[in-house]
Full PDB file with SEQRES, HELIX, SHEET, SSBOND, CRYST1, ORIGX, SCALE, CONECT and MASTER records, all heavy atoms in Angstrom:
SEQRES   1 A   34  VAL GLY ALA ALA VAL ALA ALA GLY SER ALA LEU LEU SER          
SEQRES   2 A   34  VAL LEU VAL GLY VAL SER ARG THR ALA LEU ALA MET ALA          
SEQRES   3 A   34  ARG ARG THR GLU LEU PRO GLY ALA                              
HELIX    1 AA1 GLY A    2  ARG A   27  1                                  26    
CRYST1    1.000    1.000    1.000  90.00  90.00  90.00 P 1           1          
ORIGX1      1.000000  0.000000  0.000000        0.00000                         
ORIGX2      0.000000  1.000000  0.000000        0.00000                         
ORIGX3      0.000000  0.000000  1.000000        0.00000                         
SCALE1      1.000000  0.000000  0.000000        0.00000                         
SCALE2      0.000000  1.000000  0.000000        0.00000                         
SCALE3      0.000000  0.000000  1.000000        0.00000                         
ATOM      1  N   VAL A   1     139.829-146.810-126.652  1.00  0.00           N  
ATOM      2  CA  VAL A   1     140.530-145.808-127.460  1.00  0.00           C  
ATOM      3  C   VAL A   1     141.353-144.896-126.559  1.00  0.00           C  
ATOM      4  O   VAL A   1     142.511-144.563-126.857  1.00  0.00           O  
ATOM      5  CB  VAL A   1     139.537-144.989-128.297  1.00  0.00           C  
ATOM      6  CG1 VAL A   1     140.245-143.832-128.992  1.00  0.00           C  
ATOM      7  CG2 VAL A   1     138.845-145.870-129.329  1.00  0.00           C  
ATOM      8  N   GLY A   2     140.753-144.506-125.431  1.00  0.00           N  
ATOM      9  CA  GLY A   2     141.472-143.633-124.499  1.00  0.00           C  
ATOM     10  C   GLY A   2     142.723-144.270-123.939  1.00  0.00           C  
ATOM     11  O   GLY A   2     143.732-143.597-123.721  1.00  0.00           O  
ATOM     12  N   ALA A   3     142.670-145.579-123.675  1.00  0.00           N  
ATOM     13  CA  ALA A   3     143.863-146.275-123.185  1.00  0.00           C  
ATOM     14  C   ALA A   3     144.976-146.209-124.210  1.00  0.00           C  
ATOM     15  O   ALA A   3     146.153-145.996-123.865  1.00  0.00           O  
ATOM     16  CB  ALA A   3     143.522-147.719-122.849  1.00  0.00           C  
ATOM     17  N   ALA A   4     144.619-146.393-125.475  1.00  0.00           N  
ATOM     18  CA  ALA A   4     145.628-146.300-126.530  1.00  0.00           C  
ATOM     19  C   ALA A   4     146.166-144.882-126.640  1.00  0.00           C  
ATOM     20  O   ALA A   4     147.379-144.678-126.812  1.00  0.00           O  
ATOM     21  CB  ALA A   4     145.026-146.736-127.865  1.00  0.00           C  
ATOM     22  N   VAL A   5     145.285-143.901-126.531  1.00  0.00           N  
ATOM     23  CA  VAL A   5     145.719-142.499-126.583  1.00  0.00           C  
ATOM     24  C   VAL A   5     146.643-142.173-125.408  1.00  0.00           C  
ATOM     25  O   VAL A   5     147.683-141.531-125.570  1.00  0.00           O  
ATOM     26  CB  VAL A   5     144.495-141.560-126.571  1.00  0.00           C  
ATOM     27  CG1 VAL A   5     144.926-140.110-126.369  1.00  0.00           C  
ATOM     28  CG2 VAL A   5     143.707-141.697-127.869  1.00  0.00           C  
ATOM     29  N   ALA A   6     146.274-142.635-124.210  1.00  0.00           N  
ATOM     30  CA  ALA A   6     147.092-142.367-123.029  1.00  0.00           C  
ATOM     31  C   ALA A   6     148.454-143.028-123.137  1.00  0.00           C  
ATOM     32  O   ALA A   6     149.480-142.442-122.754  1.00  0.00           O  
ATOM     33  CB  ALA A   6     146.373-142.864-121.778  1.00  0.00           C  
ATOM     34  N   ALA A   7     148.475-144.267-123.644  1.00  0.00           N  
ATOM     35  CA  ALA A   7     149.758-144.950-123.811  1.00  0.00           C  
ATOM     36  C   ALA A   7     150.637-144.208-124.806  1.00  0.00           C  
ATOM     37  O   ALA A   7     151.846-144.053-124.603  1.00  0.00           O  
ATOM     38  CB  ALA A   7     149.525-146.391-124.274  1.00  0.00           C  
ATOM     39  N   GLY A   8     150.032-143.734-125.902  1.00  0.00           N  
ATOM     40  CA  GLY A   8     150.803-142.943-126.857  1.00  0.00           C  
ATOM     41  C   GLY A   8     151.293-141.649-126.259  1.00  0.00           C  
ATOM     42  O   GLY A   8     152.416-141.200-126.521  1.00  0.00           O  
ATOM     43  N   SER A   9     150.471-141.024-125.410  1.00  0.00           N  
ATOM     44  CA  SER A   9     150.864-139.790-124.727  1.00  0.00           C  
ATOM     45  C   SER A   9     152.067-140.014-123.826  1.00  0.00           C  
ATOM     46  O   SER A   9     153.033-139.250-123.831  1.00  0.00           O  
ATOM     47  CB  SER A   9     149.678-139.274-123.910  1.00  0.00           C  
ATOM     48  OG  SER A   9     150.043-138.190-123.099  1.00  0.00           O  
ATOM     49  N   ALA A  10     152.000-141.101-123.022  1.00  0.00           N  
ATOM     50  CA  ALA A  10     153.128-141.409-122.137  1.00  0.00           C  
ATOM     51  C   ALA A  10     154.389-141.696-122.931  1.00  0.00           C  
ATOM     52  O   ALA A  10     155.483-141.230-122.594  1.00  0.00           O  
ATOM     53  CB  ALA A  10     152.769-142.598-121.249  1.00  0.00           C  
ATOM     54  N   LEU A  11     154.249-142.468-123.983  1.00  0.00           N  
ATOM     55  CA  LEU A  11     155.398-142.814-124.815  1.00  0.00           C  
ATOM     56  C   LEU A  11     156.031-141.572-125.414  1.00  0.00           C  
ATOM     57  O   LEU A  11     157.265-141.423-125.454  1.00  0.00           O  
ATOM     58  CB  LEU A  11     154.952-143.768-125.913  1.00  0.00           C  
ATOM     59  CG  LEU A  11     156.023-144.353-126.830  1.00  0.00           C  
ATOM     60  CD1 LEU A  11     157.022-145.165-126.031  1.00  0.00           C  
ATOM     61  CD2 LEU A  11     155.376-145.223-127.898  1.00  0.00           C  
ATOM     62  N   LEU A  12     155.195-140.654-125.850  1.00  0.00           N  
ATOM     63  CA  LEU A  12     155.667-139.411-126.447  1.00  0.00           C  
ATOM     64  C   LEU A  12     156.580-138.640-125.505  1.00  0.00           C  
ATOM     65  O   LEU A  12     157.662-138.180-125.879  1.00  0.00           O  
ATOM     66  CB  LEU A  12     154.455-138.552-126.829  1.00  0.00           C  
ATOM     67  CG  LEU A  12     154.668-137.298-127.666  1.00  0.00           C  
ATOM     68  CD1 LEU A  12     155.052-137.663-129.082  1.00  0.00           C  
ATOM     69  CD2 LEU A  12     153.385-136.464-127.673  1.00  0.00           C  
ATOM     70  N   SER A  13     156.148-138.511-124.240  1.00  0.00           N  
ATOM     71  CA  SER A  13     156.903-137.722-123.271  1.00  0.00           C  
ATOM     72  C   SER A  13     158.086-138.474-122.683  1.00  0.00           C  
ATOM     73  O   SER A  13     159.163-137.905-122.489  1.00  0.00           O  
ATOM     74  CB  SER A  13     155.976-137.264-122.145  1.00  0.00           C  
ATOM     75  OG  SER A  13     155.023-136.361-122.627  1.00  0.00           O  
ATOM     76  N   VAL A  14     157.887-139.766-122.389  1.00  0.00           N  
ATOM     77  CA  VAL A  14     158.939-140.533-121.729  1.00  0.00           C  
ATOM     78  C   VAL A  14     160.185-140.640-122.598  1.00  0.00           C  
ATOM     79  O   VAL A  14     161.318-140.492-122.111  1.00  0.00           O  
ATOM     80  CB  VAL A  14     158.414-141.924-121.340  1.00  0.00           C  
ATOM     81  CG1 VAL A  14     159.556-142.851-120.966  1.00  0.00           C  
ATOM     82  CG2 VAL A  14     157.439-141.809-120.182  1.00  0.00           C  
ATOM     83  N   LEU A  15     160.013-140.877-123.890  1.00  0.00           N  
ATOM     84  CA  LEU A  15     161.180-141.030-124.748  1.00  0.00           C  
ATOM     85  C   LEU A  15     161.969-139.730-124.877  1.00  0.00           C  
ATOM     86  O   LEU A  15     163.197-139.762-125.055  1.00  0.00           O  
ATOM     87  CB  LEU A  15     160.756-141.542-126.131  1.00  0.00           C  
ATOM     88  CG  LEU A  15     160.381-143.022-126.191  1.00  0.00           C  
ATOM     89  CD1 LEU A  15     159.961-143.417-127.601  1.00  0.00           C  
ATOM     90  CD2 LEU A  15     161.538-143.899-125.721  1.00  0.00           C  
ATOM     91  N   VAL A  16     161.297-138.583-124.785  1.00  0.00           N  
ATOM     92  CA  VAL A  16     162.036-137.318-124.771  1.00  0.00           C  
ATOM     93  C   VAL A  16     162.895-137.221-123.518  1.00  0.00           C  
ATOM     94  O   VAL A  16     164.059-136.818-123.563  1.00  0.00           O  
ATOM     95  CB  VAL A  16     161.082-136.115-124.865  1.00  0.00           C  
ATOM     96  CG1 VAL A  16     161.853-134.807-124.703  1.00  0.00           C  
ATOM     97  CG2 VAL A  16     160.360-136.113-126.201  1.00  0.00           C  
ATOM     98  N   GLY A  17     162.327-137.587-122.360  1.00  0.00           N  
ATOM     99  CA  GLY A  17     163.102-137.558-121.123  1.00  0.00           C  
ATOM    100  C   GLY A  17     164.302-138.481-121.171  1.00  0.00           C  
ATOM    101  O   GLY A  17     165.381-138.150-120.679  1.00  0.00           O  
ATOM    102  N   VAL A  18     164.140-139.653-121.767  1.00  0.00           N  
ATOM    103  CA  VAL A  18     165.253-140.596-121.907  1.00  0.00           C  
ATOM    104  C   VAL A  18     166.374-139.974-122.733  1.00  0.00           C  
ATOM    105  O   VAL A  18     167.555-140.037-122.370  1.00  0.00           O  
ATOM    106  CB  VAL A  18     164.763-141.905-122.555  1.00  0.00           C  
ATOM    107  CG1 VAL A  18     165.942-142.777-122.981  1.00  0.00           C  
ATOM    108  CG2 VAL A  18     163.874-142.675-121.589  1.00  0.00           C  
ATOM    109  N   SER A  19     166.023-139.350-123.851  1.00  0.00           N  
ATOM    110  CA  SER A  19     167.058-138.794-124.729  1.00  0.00           C  
ATOM    111  C   SER A  19     167.793-137.639-124.067  1.00  0.00           C  
ATOM    112  O   SER A  19     169.001-137.473-124.258  1.00  0.00           O  
ATOM    113  CB  SER A  19     166.449-138.346-126.060  1.00  0.00           C  
ATOM    114  OG  SER A  19     165.621-137.210-125.889  1.00  0.00           O  
ATOM    115  N   ARG A  20     167.082-136.835-123.249  1.00  0.00           N  
ATOM    116  CA  ARG A  20     167.747-135.687-122.592  1.00  0.00           C  
ATOM    117  C   ARG A  20     168.706-136.150-121.508  1.00  0.00           C  
ATOM    118  O   ARG A  20     169.766-135.550-121.304  1.00  0.00           O  
ATOM    119  CB  ARG A  20     166.707-134.739-122.003  1.00  0.00           C  
ATOM    120  CG  ARG A  20     166.069-133.709-122.938  1.00  0.00           C  
ATOM    121  CD  ARG A  20     166.176-134.026-124.382  1.00  0.00           C  
ATOM    122  NE  ARG A  20     165.486-133.058-125.235  1.00  0.00           N  
ATOM    123  CZ  ARG A  20     164.933-133.361-126.385  1.00  0.00           C  
ATOM    124  NH1 ARG A  20     164.953-134.604-126.818  1.00  0.00           N  
ATOM    125  NH2 ARG A  20     164.359-132.432-127.117  1.00  0.00           N  
ATOM    126  N   THR A  21     168.356-137.208-120.779  1.00  0.00           N  
ATOM    127  CA  THR A  21     169.291-137.746-119.791  1.00  0.00           C  
ATOM    128  C   THR A  21     170.486-138.399-120.485  1.00  0.00           C  
ATOM    129  O   THR A  21     171.639-138.241-120.054  1.00  0.00           O  
ATOM    130  CB  THR A  21     168.580-138.759-118.883  1.00  0.00           C  
ATOM    131  OG1 THR A  21     167.534-138.102-118.166  1.00  0.00           O  
ATOM    132  CG2 THR A  21     169.554-139.373-117.884  1.00  0.00           C  
ATOM    133  N   ALA A  22     170.243-139.114-121.567  1.00  0.00           N  
ATOM    134  CA  ALA A  22     171.345-139.702-122.341  1.00  0.00           C  
ATOM    135  C   ALA A  22     172.250-138.608-122.884  1.00  0.00           C  
ATOM    136  O   ALA A  22     173.487-138.757-122.912  1.00  0.00           O  
ATOM    137  CB  ALA A  22     170.790-140.547-123.484  1.00  0.00           C  
ATOM    138  N   LEU A  23     171.667-137.491-123.303  1.00  0.00           N  
ATOM    139  CA  LEU A  23     172.445-136.347-123.774  1.00  0.00           C  
ATOM    140  C   LEU A  23     173.383-135.845-122.694  1.00  0.00           C  
ATOM    141  O   LEU A  23     174.582-135.619-122.939  1.00  0.00           O  
ATOM    142  CB  LEU A  23     171.492-135.232-124.214  1.00  0.00           C  
ATOM    143  CG  LEU A  23     172.094-133.844-124.476  1.00  0.00           C  
ATOM    144  CD1 LEU A  23     173.015-133.881-125.680  1.00  0.00           C  
ATOM    145  CD2 LEU A  23     170.979-132.815-124.680  1.00  0.00           C  
ATOM    146  N   ALA A  24     172.850-135.658-121.475  1.00  0.00           N  
ATOM    147  CA  ALA A  24     173.680-135.163-120.381  1.00  0.00           C  
ATOM    148  C   ALA A  24     174.801-136.137-120.037  1.00  0.00           C  
ATOM    149  O   ALA A  24     175.939-135.727-119.773  1.00  0.00           O  
ATOM    150  CB  ALA A  24     172.807-134.903-119.146  1.00  0.00           C  
ATOM    151  N   MET A  25     174.523-137.431-120.028  1.00  0.00           N  
ATOM    152  CA  MET A  25     175.554-138.419-119.714  1.00  0.00           C  
ATOM    153  C   MET A  25     176.600-138.494-120.813  1.00  0.00           C  
ATOM    154  O   MET A  25     177.794-138.674-120.540  1.00  0.00           O  
ATOM    155  CB  MET A  25     174.905-139.782-119.474  1.00  0.00           C  
ATOM    156  CG  MET A  25     173.985-139.823-118.262  1.00  0.00           C  
ATOM    157  SD  MET A  25     173.252-141.451-117.949  1.00  0.00           S  
ATOM    158  CE  MET A  25     174.679-142.362-117.331  1.00  0.00           C  
ATOM    159  N   ALA A  26     176.173-138.365-122.064  1.00  0.00           N  
ATOM    160  CA  ALA A  26     177.127-138.393-123.175  1.00  0.00           C  
ATOM    161  C   ALA A  26     178.047-137.179-123.148  1.00  0.00           C  
ATOM    162  O   ALA A  26     179.232-137.267-123.496  1.00  0.00           O  
ATOM    163  CB  ALA A  26     176.375-138.446-124.504  1.00  0.00           C  
ATOM    164  N   ARG A  27     177.534-136.033-122.733  1.00  0.00           N  
ATOM    165  CA  ARG A  27     178.368-134.837-122.636  1.00  0.00           C  
ATOM    166  C   ARG A  27     179.492-135.021-121.629  1.00  0.00           C  
ATOM    167  O   ARG A  27     180.522-134.362-121.721  1.00  0.00           O  
ATOM    168  CB  ARG A  27     177.509-133.638-122.236  1.00  0.00           C  
ATOM    169  CG  ARG A  27     176.643-133.078-123.366  1.00  0.00           C  
ATOM    170  CD  ARG A  27     175.712-132.004-122.845  1.00  0.00           C  
ATOM    171  NE  ARG A  27     175.016-131.322-123.936  1.00  0.00           N  
ATOM    172  CZ  ARG A  27     174.034-130.444-123.758  1.00  0.00           C  
ATOM    173  NH1 ARG A  27     173.614-130.162-122.530  1.00  0.00           N  
ATOM    174  NH2 ARG A  27     173.472-129.860-124.793  1.00  0.00           N  
ATOM    175  N   ARG A  28     179.292-135.902-120.653  1.00  0.00           N  
ATOM    176  CA  ARG A  28     180.311-136.160-119.630  1.00  0.00           C  
ATOM    177  C   ARG A  28     181.035-137.478-119.877  1.00  0.00           C  
ATOM    178  O   ARG A  28     181.647-138.031-118.970  1.00  0.00           O  
ATOM    179  CB  ARG A  28     179.661-136.136-118.248  1.00  0.00           C  
ATOM    180  CG  ARG A  28     179.182-134.736-117.836  1.00  0.00           C  
ATOM    181  CD  ARG A  28     178.313-134.795-116.585  1.00  0.00           C  
ATOM    182  NE  ARG A  28     178.021-133.467-116.088  1.00  0.00           N  
ATOM    183  CZ  ARG A  28     177.051-132.681-116.540  1.00  0.00           C  
ATOM    184  NH1 ARG A  28     176.276-133.106-117.531  1.00  0.00           N  
ATOM    185  NH2 ARG A  28     176.840-131.486-116.029  1.00  0.00           N  
ATOM    186  N   THR A  29     180.918-138.003-121.085  1.00  0.00           N  
ATOM    187  CA  THR A  29     181.608-139.205-121.564  1.00  0.00           C  
ATOM    188  C   THR A  29     181.204-140.482-120.846  1.00  0.00           C  
ATOM    189  O   THR A  29     181.899-141.496-120.944  1.00  0.00           O  
ATOM    190  CB  THR A  29     183.147-139.050-121.482  1.00  0.00           C  
ATOM    191  OG1 THR A  29     183.573-139.129-120.114  1.00  0.00           O  
ATOM    192  CG2 THR A  29     183.613-137.753-122.113  1.00  0.00           C  
ATOM    193  N   GLU A  30     180.087-140.495-120.126  1.00  0.00           N  
ATOM    194  CA  GLU A  30     179.647-141.716-119.466  1.00  0.00           C  
ATOM    195  C   GLU A  30     178.713-142.539-120.354  1.00  0.00           C  
ATOM    196  O   GLU A  30     178.316-143.632-119.980  1.00  0.00           O  
ATOM    197  CB  GLU A  30     178.998-141.383-118.127  1.00  0.00           C  
ATOM    198  CG  GLU A  30     180.025-140.837-117.149  1.00  0.00           C  
ATOM    199  CD  GLU A  30     179.454-140.570-115.769  1.00  0.00           C  
ATOM    200  OE1 GLU A  30     178.245-140.305-115.656  1.00  0.00           O  
ATOM    201  OE2 GLU A  30     180.238-140.627-114.807  1.00  0.00           O  
ATOM    202  N   LEU A  31     178.375-141.991-121.498  1.00  0.00           N  
ATOM    203  CA  LEU A  31     177.759-142.714-122.602  1.00  0.00           C  
ATOM    204  C   LEU A  31     178.507-142.293-123.865  1.00  0.00           C  
ATOM    205  O   LEU A  31     179.215-141.269-123.857  1.00  0.00           O  
ATOM    206  CB  LEU A  31     176.264-142.377-122.714  1.00  0.00           C  
ATOM    207  CG  LEU A  31     175.330-143.001-121.660  1.00  0.00           C  
ATOM    208  CD1 LEU A  31     173.888-142.526-121.887  1.00  0.00           C  
ATOM    209  CD2 LEU A  31     175.392-144.524-121.666  1.00  0.00           C  
ATOM    210  N   PRO A  32     178.395-143.038-124.955  1.00  0.00           N  
ATOM    211  CA  PRO A  32     179.125-142.667-126.170  1.00  0.00           C  
ATOM    212  C   PRO A  32     178.866-141.227-126.587  1.00  0.00           C  
ATOM    213  O   PRO A  32     177.723-140.748-126.574  1.00  0.00           O  
ATOM    214  CB  PRO A  32     178.582-143.664-127.201  1.00  0.00           C  
ATOM    215  CG  PRO A  32     178.211-144.859-126.396  1.00  0.00           C  
ATOM    216  CD  PRO A  32     177.680-144.311-125.106  1.00  0.00           C  
ATOM    217  N   GLY A  33     179.935-140.525-126.973  1.00  0.00           N  
ATOM    218  CA  GLY A  33     179.832-139.113-127.328  1.00  0.00           C  
ATOM    219  C   GLY A  33     178.904-138.831-128.495  1.00  0.00           C  
ATOM    220  O   GLY A  33     178.388-137.714-128.622  1.00  0.00           O  
ATOM    221  N   ALA A  34     178.661-139.820-129.341  1.00  0.00           N  
ATOM    222  CA  ALA A  34     177.762-139.610-130.480  1.00  0.00           C  
ATOM    223  C   ALA A  34     176.361-139.239-130.040  1.00  0.00           C  
ATOM    224  O   ALA A  34     175.624-138.561-130.767  1.00  0.00           O  
ATOM    225  CB  ALA A  34     177.715-140.877-131.335  1.00  0.00           C  
TER     226      ALA A  34                                                      
MASTER        0    0    0    1    0    0    0    6  225    1    0    3          
END                                                                             
C-alpha cells in the first residue's frame, strides 16, 4: 500500500513541476503559446 501511496505522491508533485517548466518555455515561445 505504501508503494502505491509513494508512487501517487511522486506523480502528484512531478506533474506540477512539468507544467511549470512548460509554462516558462511557452512564455518564451519555445513551446506552443497555448
